[in-house]
Amino acid sequence: MHVPPEVFESYLQEISRRYTAETYSLLTHNCNNFSNEVAQFLVGTSIPDCILNLPNEVMNSPMGALITPMIQQLEATLRAGADPHAPQFAPSSLGPAVGPATTNAANPNGSANRTEPEEQHSKKEEAAKAFSRAVAPAGAQEDNGVPGDPLGSARSKLQEEISLLLLW
């Protein structure tokens, strides 16, 4: 099927109102949606659902909840006309490492303070180690510029990936 350039340009002009900086959303109204409309117009075939549904898959993943606020902040920055760049994370608590929890309840042997049971503490350490391995970047670790950041280079890696997505 051949579409003359004038007809295609007219079509692009017609849909341009739906694809502006104000209507763009990385997750719901993006280049995949635009490409799908254009593909349907030019060749009568849609972009595969596996491509169109990628944002939904990301948002339904465990990482989705973590990156949604960052994506929304970036979109707001772009709409405001600011220079796009990878947003910096601000961890909610950067206090010193906390030791085992204590309680003031007296126990039967008379001691006023007792530490958290060793078994619970051990399980928490194992979970933290598993999480560290899960988010560790494949390459060399990088400093993300956030002092005391417990996720360290994992945040830098995520920022880098999002920056690459924005360039894509």
C-alpha atoms as a PDB file:
ATOM      1  CA  MET A   1       0.000   0.000   0.000  1.00  0.00           C
ATOM      2  CA  HIS A   2       1.539   3.318  -1.078  1.00  0.00           C
ATOM      3  CA  VAL A   3       0.537   6.552   0.642  1.00  0.00           C
ATOM      4  CA  PRO A   4       1.505   9.770  -1.162  1.00  0.00           C
ATOM      5  CA  PRO A   5       3.725  12.103   0.907  1.00  0.00           C
ATOM      6  CA  GLU A   6       1.099  14.876   0.842  1.00  0.00           C
ATOM      7  CA  VAL A   7      -1.537  12.551   2.318  1.00  0.00           C
ATOM      8  CA  PHE A   8       0.867  11.336   4.998  1.00  0.00           C
ATOM      9  CA  GLU A   9       1.854  14.899   5.922  1.00  0.00           C
ATOM     10  CA  SER A  10      -1.816  15.827   6.148  1.00  0.00           C
ATOM     11  CA  TYR A  11      -2.429  12.826   8.411  1.00  0.00           C
ATOM     12  CA  LEU A  12       0.493  13.800  10.651  1.00  0.00           C
ATOM     13  CA  GLN A  13      -0.868  17.335  10.884  1.00  0.00           C
ATOM     14  CA  GLU A  14      -4.263  15.929  11.847  1.00  0.00           C
ATOM     15  CA  ILE A  15      -2.943  13.757  14.693  1.00  0.00           C
ATOM     16  CA  SER A  16      -0.346  16.282  15.874  1.00  0.00           C
ATOM     17  CA  ARG A  17      -2.808  17.781  18.372  1.00  0.00           C
ATOM     18  CA  ARG A  18      -2.863  14.445  20.224  1.00  0.00           C
ATOM     19  CA  TYR A  19       0.930  14.152  20.392  1.00  0.00           C
ATOM     20  CA  THR A  20       2.333  17.222  22.100  1.00  0.00           C
ATOM     21  CA  ALA A  21       4.656  17.836  25.040  1.00  0.00           C
ATOM     22  CA  GLU A  22       1.587  18.447  27.199  1.00  0.00           C
ATOM     23  CA  THR A  23      -0.085  15.135  26.299  1.00  0.00           C
ATOM     24  CA  TYR A  24       3.044  12.968  26.354  1.00  0.00           C
ATOM     25  CA  SER A  25       3.336  10.353  29.074  1.00  0.00           C
ATOM     26  CA  LEU A  26       6.137   7.824  29.162  1.00  0.00           C
ATOM     27  CA  LEU A  27       3.748   5.186  30.468  1.00  0.00           C
ATOM     28  CA  THR A  28       0.374   5.898  28.862  1.00  0.00           C
ATOM     29  CA  HIS A  29       0.741   8.111  25.778  1.00  0.00           C
ATOM     30  CA  ASN A  30       4.173   7.688  24.229  1.00  0.00           C
ATOM     31  CA  CYS A  31       6.074   7.020  21.011  1.00  0.00           C
ATOM     32  CA  ASN A  32       4.688   3.482  20.882  1.00  0.00           C
ATOM     33  CA  ASN A  33       1.152   4.851  20.709  1.00  0.00           C
ATOM     34  CA  PHE A  34       2.175   7.309  17.990  1.00  0.00           C
ATOM     35  CA  SER A  35       3.938   4.580  16.022  1.00  0.00           C
ATOM     36  CA  ASN A  36       0.888   2.346  16.360  1.00  0.00           C
ATOM     37  CA  GLU A  37      -1.399   4.995  14.871  1.00  0.00           C
ATOM     38  CA  VAL A  38       1.021   5.709  12.035  1.00  0.00           C
ATOM     39  CA  ALA A  39       1.527   1.998  11.293  1.00  0.00           C
ATOM     40  CA  GLN A  40      -2.230   1.478  11.142  1.00  0.00           C
ATOM     41  CA  PHE A  41      -2.551   4.415   8.748  1.00  0.00           C
ATOM     42  CA  LEU A  42       0.356   3.428   6.500  1.00  0.00           C
ATOM     43  CA  VAL A  43       0.088  -0.354   6.354  1.00  0.00           C
ATOM     44  CA  GLY A  44      -3.132  -1.241   8.163  1.00  0.00           C
ATOM     45  CA  THR A  45      -1.311  -3.235  10.856  1.00  0.00           C
ATOM     46  CA  SER A  46      -0.856  -2.481  14.546  1.00  0.00           C
ATOM     47  CA  ILE A  47       2.337  -2.539  16.543  1.00  0.00           C
ATOM     48  CA  PRO A  48       2.449  -5.891  18.427  1.00  0.00           C
ATOM     49  CA  ASP A  49       0.645  -5.898  21.765  1.00  0.00           C
ATOM     50  CA  CYS A  50       3.814  -7.063  23.510  1.00  0.00           C
ATOM     51  CA  ILE A  51       5.343  -3.667  22.629  1.00  0.00           C
ATOM     52  CA  LEU A  52       2.260  -1.605  23.400  1.00  0.00           C
ATOM     53  CA  ASN A  53       1.848  -3.304  26.788  1.00  0.00           C
ATOM     54  CA  LEU A  54       5.454  -2.842  27.940  1.00  0.00           C
ATOM     55  CA  PRO A  55       4.643   0.166  30.154  1.00  0.00           C
ATOM     56  CA  ASN A  56       1.901  -1.846  31.900  1.00  0.00           C
ATOM     57  CA  GLU A  57       4.315  -4.705  32.497  1.00  0.00           C
ATOM     58  CA  VAL A  58       6.845  -2.323  33.994  1.00  0.00           C
ATOM     59  CA  MET A  59       4.268  -0.665  36.228  1.00  0.00           C
ATOM     60  CA  ASN A  60       3.007  -4.036  37.454  1.00  0.00           C
ATOM     61  CA  SER A  61       6.520  -5.130  38.383  1.00  0.00           C
ATOM     62  CA  PRO A  62       8.032  -4.644  41.849  1.00  0.00           C
ATOM     63  CA  MET A  63      10.262  -1.898  40.446  1.00  0.00           C
ATOM     64  CA  GLY A  64       7.248  -0.077  38.966  1.00  0.00           C
ATOM     65  CA  ALA A  65       6.130   1.383  42.270  1.00  0.00           C
ATOM     66  CA  LEU A  66       9.642   2.678  42.874  1.00  0.00           C
ATOM     67  CA  ILE A  67      10.097   4.423  39.549  1.00  0.00           C
ATOM     68  CA  THR A  68       6.587   5.878  39.108  1.00  0.00           C
ATOM     69  CA  PRO A  69       7.222   8.999  41.247  1.00  0.00           C
ATOM     70  CA  MET A  70      10.517   9.601  39.465  1.00  0.00           C
ATOM     71  CA  ILE A  71       8.864   9.320  36.040  1.00  0.00           C
ATOM     72  CA  GLN A  72       6.057  11.651  37.103  1.00  0.00           C
ATOM     73  CA  GLN A  73       8.606  14.183  38.364  1.00  0.00           C
ATOM     74  CA  LEU A  74      10.509  13.986  35.104  1.00  0.00           C
ATOM     75  CA  GLU A  75       7.338  14.449  33.052  1.00  0.00           C
ATOM     76  CA  ALA A  76       6.394  17.490  35.157  1.00  0.00           C
ATOM     77  CA  THR A  77       9.881  18.911  34.580  1.00  0.00           C
ATOM     78  CA  LEU A  78       9.548  18.427  30.831  1.00  0.00           C
ATOM     79  CA  ARG A  79       6.096  20.036  30.768  1.00  0.00           C
ATOM     80  CA  ALA A  80       7.467  23.018  32.675  1.00  0.00           C
ATOM     81  CA  GLY A  81      10.057  23.470  29.936  1.00  0.00           C
ATOM     82  CA  ALA A  82      13.058  22.722  32.132  1.00  0.00           C
ATOM     83  CA  ASP A  83      16.154  20.946  30.876  1.00  0.00           C
ATOM     84  CA  PRO A  84      15.552  17.181  31.051  1.00  0.00           C
ATOM     85  CA  HIS A  85      18.070  15.225  33.086  1.00  0.00           C
ATOM     86  CA  ALA A  86      18.044  12.151  35.259  1.00  0.00           C
ATOM     87  CA  PRO A  87      16.329  13.019  38.528  1.00  0.00           C
ATOM     88  CA  GLN A  88      18.336  12.533  41.700  1.00  0.00           C
ATOM     89  CA  PHE A  89      16.965  10.289  44.396  1.00  0.00           C
ATOM     90  CA  ALA A  90      16.487  11.646  47.870  1.00  0.00           C
ATOM     91  CA  PRO A  91      16.256   8.653  50.195  1.00  0.00           C
ATOM     92  CA  SER A  92      13.594   9.213  52.841  1.00  0.00           C
ATOM     93  CA  SER A  93      15.871   8.377  55.754  1.00  0.00           C
ATOM     94  CA  LEU A  94      19.609   8.775  55.712  1.00  0.00           C
ATOM     95  CA  GLY A  95      20.185   8.362  59.424  1.00  0.00           C
ATOM     96  CA  PRO A  96      22.894   6.173  60.893  1.00  0.00           C
ATOM     97  CA  ALA A  97      22.490   2.427  60.741  1.00  0.00           C
ATOM     98  CA  VAL A  98      20.138   1.185  63.419  1.00  0.00           C
ATOM     99  CA  GLY A  99      21.089  -1.748  65.607  1.00  0.00           C
ATOM    100  CA  PRO A 100      18.715  -4.370  66.966  1.00  0.00           C
ATOM    101  CA  ALA A 101      15.412  -3.033  68.265  1.00  0.00           C
ATOM    102  CA  THR A 102      15.006  -2.711  71.998  1.00  0.00           C
ATOM    103  CA  THR A 103      11.980  -2.631  74.225  1.00  0.00           C
ATOM    104  CA  ASN A 104      11.466  -1.258  77.715  1.00  0.00           C
ATOM    105  CA  ALA A 105       9.141  -4.060  78.749  1.00  0.00           C
ATOM    106  CA  ALA A 106      10.466  -6.033  81.669  1.00  0.00           C
ATOM    107  CA  ASN A 107      10.854  -9.722  81.059  1.00  0.00           C
ATOM    108  CA  PRO A 108      10.396 -12.510  83.584  1.00  0.00           C
ATOM    109  CA  ASN A 109      14.072 -12.578  84.588  1.00  0.00           C
ATOM    110  CA  GLY A 110      13.939  -8.911  85.596  1.00  0.00           C
ATOM    111  CA  SER A 111      16.022  -7.164  82.923  1.00  0.00           C
ATOM    112  CA  ALA A 112      14.497  -3.845  81.821  1.00  0.00           C
ATOM    113  CA  ASN A 113      15.811  -3.806  78.233  1.00  0.00           C
ATOM    114  CA  ARG A 114      16.213  -6.720  75.858  1.00  0.00           C
ATOM    115  CA  THR A 115      17.347  -6.941  72.260  1.00  0.00           C
ATOM    116  CA  GLU A 116      15.280  -8.199  69.363  1.00  0.00           C
ATOM    117  CA  PRO A 117      15.427 -11.988  69.081  1.00  0.00           C
ATOM    118  CA  GLU A 118      18.538 -13.088  67.220  1.00  0.00           C
ATOM    119  CA  GLU A 119      16.518 -15.194  64.781  1.00  0.00           C
ATOM    120  CA  GLN A 120      14.454 -12.199  63.589  1.00  0.00           C
ATOM    121  CA  HIS A 121      17.577 -10.077  63.252  1.00  0.00           C
ATOM    122  CA  SER A 122      19.262 -12.811  61.219  1.00  0.00           C
ATOM    123  CA  LYS A 123      16.260 -13.062  58.873  1.00  0.00           C
ATOM    124  CA  LYS A 124      16.340  -9.307  58.299  1.00  0.00           C
ATOM    125  CA  GLU A 125      20.047  -9.459  57.467  1.00  0.00           C
ATOM    126  CA  GLU A 126      19.443 -12.299  55.000  1.00  0.00           C
ATOM    127  CA  ALA A 127      16.650 -10.337  53.321  1.00  0.00           C
ATOM    128  CA  ALA A 128      18.877  -7.260  53.076  1.00  0.00           C
ATOM    129  CA  LYS A 129      21.682  -9.312  51.508  1.00  0.00           C
ATOM    130  CA  ALA A 130      19.271 -10.894  49.021  1.00  0.00           C
ATOM    131  CA  PHE A 131      17.972  -7.457  48.079  1.00  0.00           C
ATOM    132  CA  SER A 132      21.525  -6.168  47.625  1.00  0.00           C
ATOM    133  CA  ARG A 133      22.322  -9.015  45.260  1.00  0.00           C
ATOM    134  CA  ALA A 134      19.078  -8.450  43.349  1.00  0.00           C
ATOM    135  CA  VAL A 135      19.723  -4.763  42.703  1.00  0.00           C
ATOM    136  CA  ALA A 136      23.487  -4.882  42.267  1.00  0.00           C
ATOM    137  CA  PRO A 137      24.512  -3.503  38.853  1.00  0.00           C
ATOM    138  CA  ALA A 138      26.407  -5.764  36.477  1.00  0.00           C
ATOM    139  CA  GLY A 139      29.261  -3.307  35.957  1.00  0.00           C
ATOM    140  CA  ALA A 140      31.505  -1.416  38.304  1.00  0.00           C
ATOM    141  CA  GLN A 141      29.808   0.371  41.161  1.00  0.00           C
ATOM    142  CA  GLU A 142      29.341   4.089  40.784  1.00  0.00           C
ATOM    143  CA  ASP A 143      28.905   6.843  43.341  1.00  0.00           C
ATOM    144  CA  ASN A 144      25.473   8.388  42.902  1.00  0.00           C
ATOM    145  CA  GLY A 145      26.279  11.504  44.882  1.00  0.00           C
ATOM    146  CA  VAL A 146      23.847  10.797  47.730  1.00  0.00           C
ATOM    147  CA  PRO A 147      25.856  10.357  50.941  1.00  0.00           C
ATOM    148  CA  GLY A 148      24.741   7.444  53.088  1.00  0.00           C
ATOM    149  CA  ASP A 149      22.415   6.116  50.408  1.00  0.00           C
ATOM    150  CA  PRO A 150      21.710   2.504  51.387  1.00  0.00           C
ATOM    151  CA  LEU A 151      21.050   1.464  47.787  1.00  0.00           C
ATOM    152  CA  GLY A 152      24.247   3.042  46.509  1.00  0.00           C
ATOM    153  CA  SER A 153      25.032   2.206  42.924  1.00  0.00           C
ATOM    154  CA  ALA A 154      21.662   0.554  42.275  1.00  0.00           C
ATOM    155  CA  ARG A 155      20.112   4.020  42.250  1.00  0.00           C
ATOM    156  CA  SER A 156      22.762   5.238  39.815  1.00  0.00           C
ATOM    157  CA  LYS A 157      22.104   2.284  37.549  1.00  0.00           C
ATOM    158  CA  LEU A 158      18.356   2.974  37.548  1.00  0.00           C
ATOM    159  CA  GLN A 159      18.970   6.652  36.812  1.00  0.00           C
ATOM    160  CA  GLU A 160      21.245   5.682  33.930  1.00  0.00           C
ATOM    161  CA  GLU A 161      18.629   3.295  32.508  1.00  0.00           C
ATOM    162  CA  ILE A 162      15.913   5.946  32.671  1.00  0.00           C
ATOM    163  CA  SER A 163      18.215   8.470  31.026  1.00  0.00           C
ATOM    164  CA  LEU A 164      18.771   6.009  28.197  1.00  0.00           C
ATOM    165  CA  LEU A 165      15.010   5.475  27.883  1.00  0.00           C
ATOM    166  CA  LEU A 166      14.527   9.222  27.568  1.00  0.00           C
ATOM    167  CA  LEU A 167      17.080   9.375  24.793  1.00  0.00           C
ATOM    168  CA  TRP A 168      15.428   6.449  23.025  1.00  0.00           C
END
